[in-house]
Amino acid sequence: MTYIRIEWLSASTDCDQAGCSGGYSEGARVYFDGELALDLEPEPSCYGRTSYDQEQVFGLILTKLGHSLVETSYE
């Protein structure tokens, strides 16, 4: 069995540009059995950013472990 550890990350930045109050993003570092498997570094920006929410992180973990994820919604 693979031991998985998730280190949740967040980052923010201040913006001096008009109409922007600052940028915030989230990410994670994921370790499998103590080895870094995914480095999803958050990159905040006032206009555009790189961010990973929990759902995306868990999906990437499943993919890294060789599983396919199919999401459906029922209305």
N, C-alpha and C. Protein backbone atom coordinates (compact mmCIF):
# COMPACT_ATOMS: atom_id res chain seq x y z
N MET A 1 0.84 -1.18 0.00
CA MET A 1 0.00 0.00 0.00
C MET A 1 0.89 1.24 0.00
N THR A 2 0.51 2.22 -0.78
CA THR A 2 1.25 3.47 -0.88
C THR A 2 0.82 4.43 0.22
N TYR A 3 1.79 4.95 0.97
CA TYR A 3 1.52 5.98 1.98
C TYR A 3 1.57 7.33 1.28
N ILE A 4 0.47 8.08 1.34
CA ILE A 4 0.36 9.37 0.66
C ILE A 4 0.27 10.48 1.70
N ARG A 5 1.12 11.48 1.55
CA ARG A 5 1.09 12.66 2.41
C ARG A 5 0.89 13.89 1.53
N ILE A 6 -0.06 14.74 1.90
CA ILE A 6 -0.36 15.96 1.14
C ILE A 6 0.00 17.16 2.01
N GLU A 7 0.82 18.03 1.47
CA GLU A 7 1.17 19.28 2.11
C GLU A 7 0.46 20.40 1.35
N TRP A 8 -0.57 20.99 1.96
CA TRP A 8 -1.36 22.03 1.30
C TRP A 8 -0.60 23.35 1.34
N LEU A 9 -0.59 24.06 0.22
CA LEU A 9 0.14 25.31 0.07
C LEU A 9 -0.81 26.44 -0.31
N SER A 10 -0.44 27.65 0.04
CA SER A 10 -1.18 28.83 -0.43
C SER A 10 -0.17 29.96 -0.64
N ALA A 11 -0.52 30.86 -1.51
CA ALA A 11 0.34 32.01 -1.80
C ALA A 11 -0.53 33.19 -2.18
N SER A 12 -0.04 34.38 -1.89
CA SER A 12 -0.77 35.58 -2.26
C SER A 12 0.22 36.66 -2.67
N THR A 13 -0.30 37.64 -3.37
CA THR A 13 0.52 38.76 -3.81
C THR A 13 -0.29 40.04 -3.74
N ASP A 14 0.38 41.14 -3.54
CA ASP A 14 -0.27 42.45 -3.57
C ASP A 14 -0.14 43.04 -4.96
N CYS A 15 -1.15 43.77 -5.37
CA CYS A 15 -1.13 44.39 -6.68
C CYS A 15 -1.26 45.90 -6.54
N ASP A 16 -0.48 46.60 -7.31
CA ASP A 16 -0.55 48.05 -7.32
C ASP A 16 -1.32 48.57 -8.52
N GLN A 17 -1.91 47.66 -9.28
CA GLN A 17 -2.62 48.07 -10.49
C GLN A 17 -4.08 48.37 -10.18
N ALA A 18 -4.64 49.31 -10.88
CA ALA A 18 -6.03 49.71 -10.67
C ALA A 18 -6.97 48.54 -10.91
N GLY A 19 -7.95 48.38 -10.05
CA GLY A 19 -8.96 47.36 -10.23
C GLY A 19 -8.56 45.99 -9.72
N CYS A 20 -7.43 45.88 -9.06
CA CYS A 20 -6.98 44.58 -8.56
C CYS A 20 -6.64 44.72 -7.09
N SER A 21 -7.23 43.87 -6.27
CA SER A 21 -6.98 43.94 -4.84
C SER A 21 -5.92 42.94 -4.39
N GLY A 22 -5.39 42.16 -5.30
CA GLY A 22 -4.38 41.16 -4.95
C GLY A 22 -4.75 39.80 -5.48
N GLY A 23 -3.79 38.92 -5.53
CA GLY A 23 -4.04 37.58 -6.05
C GLY A 23 -3.77 36.52 -4.99
N TYR A 24 -4.53 35.44 -5.02
CA TYR A 24 -4.41 34.34 -4.07
C TYR A 24 -4.53 33.03 -4.84
N SER A 25 -3.73 32.05 -4.49
CA SER A 25 -3.84 30.74 -5.13
C SER A 25 -3.45 29.65 -4.14
N GLU A 26 -3.88 28.42 -4.46
CA GLU A 26 -3.62 27.26 -3.62
C GLU A 26 -2.93 26.19 -4.42
N GLY A 27 -2.25 25.30 -3.72
CA GLY A 27 -1.57 24.19 -4.36
C GLY A 27 -1.23 23.12 -3.35
N ALA A 28 -0.35 22.21 -3.72
CA ALA A 28 0.01 21.12 -2.82
C ALA A 28 1.30 20.46 -3.27
N ARG A 29 1.97 19.87 -2.31
CA ARG A 29 3.06 18.93 -2.59
C ARG A 29 2.57 17.58 -2.11
N VAL A 30 2.68 16.58 -2.98
CA VAL A 30 2.18 15.25 -2.66
C VAL A 30 3.34 14.28 -2.65
N TYR A 31 3.44 13.53 -1.57
CA TYR A 31 4.52 12.56 -1.40
C TYR A 31 3.94 11.15 -1.38
N PHE A 32 4.56 10.25 -2.13
CA PHE A 32 4.23 8.83 -2.09
C PHE A 32 5.37 8.13 -1.38
N ASP A 33 5.07 7.48 -0.27
CA ASP A 33 6.09 6.77 0.51
C ASP A 33 7.31 7.64 0.78
N GLY A 34 7.09 8.92 1.10
CA GLY A 34 8.16 9.83 1.46
C GLY A 34 8.87 10.50 0.30
N GLU A 35 8.55 10.14 -0.93
CA GLU A 35 9.17 10.72 -2.13
C GLU A 35 8.21 11.70 -2.79
N LEU A 36 8.72 12.86 -3.19
CA LEU A 36 7.88 13.85 -3.85
C LEU A 36 7.35 13.29 -5.17
N ALA A 37 6.03 13.24 -5.30
CA ALA A 37 5.40 12.70 -6.51
C ALA A 37 4.77 13.80 -7.35
N LEU A 38 4.21 14.81 -6.71
CA LEU A 38 3.57 15.92 -7.41
C LEU A 38 3.95 17.22 -6.71
N ASP A 39 4.43 18.18 -7.47
CA ASP A 39 4.76 19.50 -6.94
C ASP A 39 3.86 20.51 -7.64
N LEU A 40 2.75 20.83 -7.01
CA LEU A 40 1.73 21.70 -7.59
C LEU A 40 1.82 23.06 -6.91
N GLU A 41 2.86 23.79 -7.27
CA GLU A 41 3.18 25.07 -6.65
C GLU A 41 2.16 26.14 -7.03
N PRO A 42 1.57 26.82 -6.06
CA PRO A 42 0.63 27.90 -6.38
C PRO A 42 1.40 29.13 -6.87
N GLU A 43 0.84 29.79 -7.88
CA GLU A 43 1.46 31.00 -8.43
C GLU A 43 0.41 32.10 -8.50
N PRO A 44 0.36 32.95 -7.48
CA PRO A 44 -0.64 34.01 -7.48
C PRO A 44 -0.27 35.12 -8.46
N SER A 45 -1.27 35.78 -8.95
CA SER A 45 -1.07 36.89 -9.87
C SER A 45 -2.32 37.74 -9.85
N CYS A 46 -2.18 38.97 -10.20
CA CYS A 46 -3.35 39.85 -10.25
C CYS A 46 -4.25 39.52 -11.44
N TYR A 47 -3.65 39.10 -12.53
CA TYR A 47 -4.40 38.77 -13.75
C TYR A 47 -3.96 37.41 -14.25
N GLY A 48 -4.72 36.38 -13.92
CA GLY A 48 -4.35 35.02 -14.26
C GLY A 48 -3.51 34.44 -13.14
N ARG A 49 -3.64 33.15 -12.90
CA ARG A 49 -2.90 32.52 -11.83
C ARG A 49 -2.86 31.02 -12.04
N THR A 50 -1.97 30.37 -11.33
CA THR A 50 -1.94 28.92 -11.30
C THR A 50 -2.39 28.49 -9.91
N SER A 51 -3.47 27.74 -9.84
CA SER A 51 -4.03 27.32 -8.57
C SER A 51 -4.63 25.92 -8.72
N TYR A 52 -4.56 25.14 -7.65
CA TYR A 52 -5.08 23.78 -7.65
C TYR A 52 -5.98 23.62 -6.43
N ASP A 53 -7.28 23.32 -6.63
CA ASP A 53 -8.16 23.08 -5.50
C ASP A 53 -8.06 21.61 -5.08
N GLN A 54 -8.71 21.26 -3.99
CA GLN A 54 -8.61 19.89 -3.46
C GLN A 54 -9.09 18.85 -4.48
N GLU A 55 -10.16 19.15 -5.17
CA GLU A 55 -10.69 18.21 -6.16
C GLU A 55 -9.66 17.93 -7.26
N GLN A 56 -9.00 18.97 -7.73
CA GLN A 56 -7.97 18.78 -8.76
C GLN A 56 -6.78 17.98 -8.22
N VAL A 57 -6.37 18.27 -7.00
CA VAL A 57 -5.23 17.56 -6.41
C VAL A 57 -5.55 16.08 -6.27
N PHE A 58 -6.74 15.74 -5.75
CA PHE A 58 -7.10 14.34 -5.60
C PHE A 58 -7.20 13.63 -6.95
N GLY A 59 -7.71 14.33 -7.96
CA GLY A 59 -7.77 13.75 -9.30
C GLY A 59 -6.38 13.48 -9.86
N LEU A 60 -5.44 14.40 -9.65
CA LEU A 60 -4.06 14.20 -10.12
C LEU A 60 -3.38 13.06 -9.38
N ILE A 61 -3.70 12.89 -8.10
CA ILE A 61 -3.15 11.77 -7.33
C ILE A 61 -3.63 10.45 -7.93
N LEU A 62 -4.93 10.34 -8.21
CA LEU A 62 -5.46 9.11 -8.81
C LEU A 62 -4.80 8.83 -10.16
N THR A 63 -4.63 9.87 -10.97
CA THR A 63 -3.99 9.71 -12.28
C THR A 63 -2.54 9.23 -12.11
N LYS A 64 -1.83 9.83 -11.17
CA LYS A 64 -0.43 9.46 -10.93
C LYS A 64 -0.32 8.00 -10.48
N LEU A 65 -1.34 7.52 -9.79
CA LEU A 65 -1.37 6.12 -9.33
C LEU A 65 -1.87 5.17 -10.41
N GLY A 66 -2.20 5.71 -11.60
CA GLY A 66 -2.60 4.87 -12.72
C GLY A 66 -4.09 4.60 -12.81
N HIS A 67 -4.89 5.40 -12.13
CA HIS A 67 -6.34 5.22 -12.16
C HIS A 67 -6.98 6.26 -13.06
N SER A 68 -8.10 5.91 -13.66
CA SER A 68 -8.88 6.85 -14.46
C SER A 68 -10.02 7.38 -13.61
N LEU A 69 -10.27 8.66 -13.72
CA LEU A 69 -11.35 9.28 -12.96
C LEU A 69 -12.39 9.78 -13.94
N VAL A 70 -13.62 9.36 -13.74
CA VAL A 70 -14.74 9.82 -14.56
C VAL A 70 -15.75 10.46 -13.61
N GLU A 71 -16.01 11.73 -13.84
CA GLU A 71 -16.96 12.45 -12.98
C GLU A 71 -18.28 12.62 -13.71
N THR A 72 -19.36 12.42 -12.97
CA THR A 72 -20.69 12.66 -13.52
C THR A 72 -21.47 13.45 -12.48
N SER A 73 -22.52 14.09 -12.93
CA SER A 73 -23.40 14.79 -12.00
C SER A 73 -24.83 14.37 -12.29
N TYR A 74 -25.58 14.29 -11.24
CA TYR A 74 -26.98 13.91 -11.36
C TYR A 74 -27.83 15.10 -10.95
N GLU A 75 -28.70 15.50 -11.85
CA GLU A 75 -29.55 16.65 -11.56
C GLU A 75 -30.96 16.23 -11.29
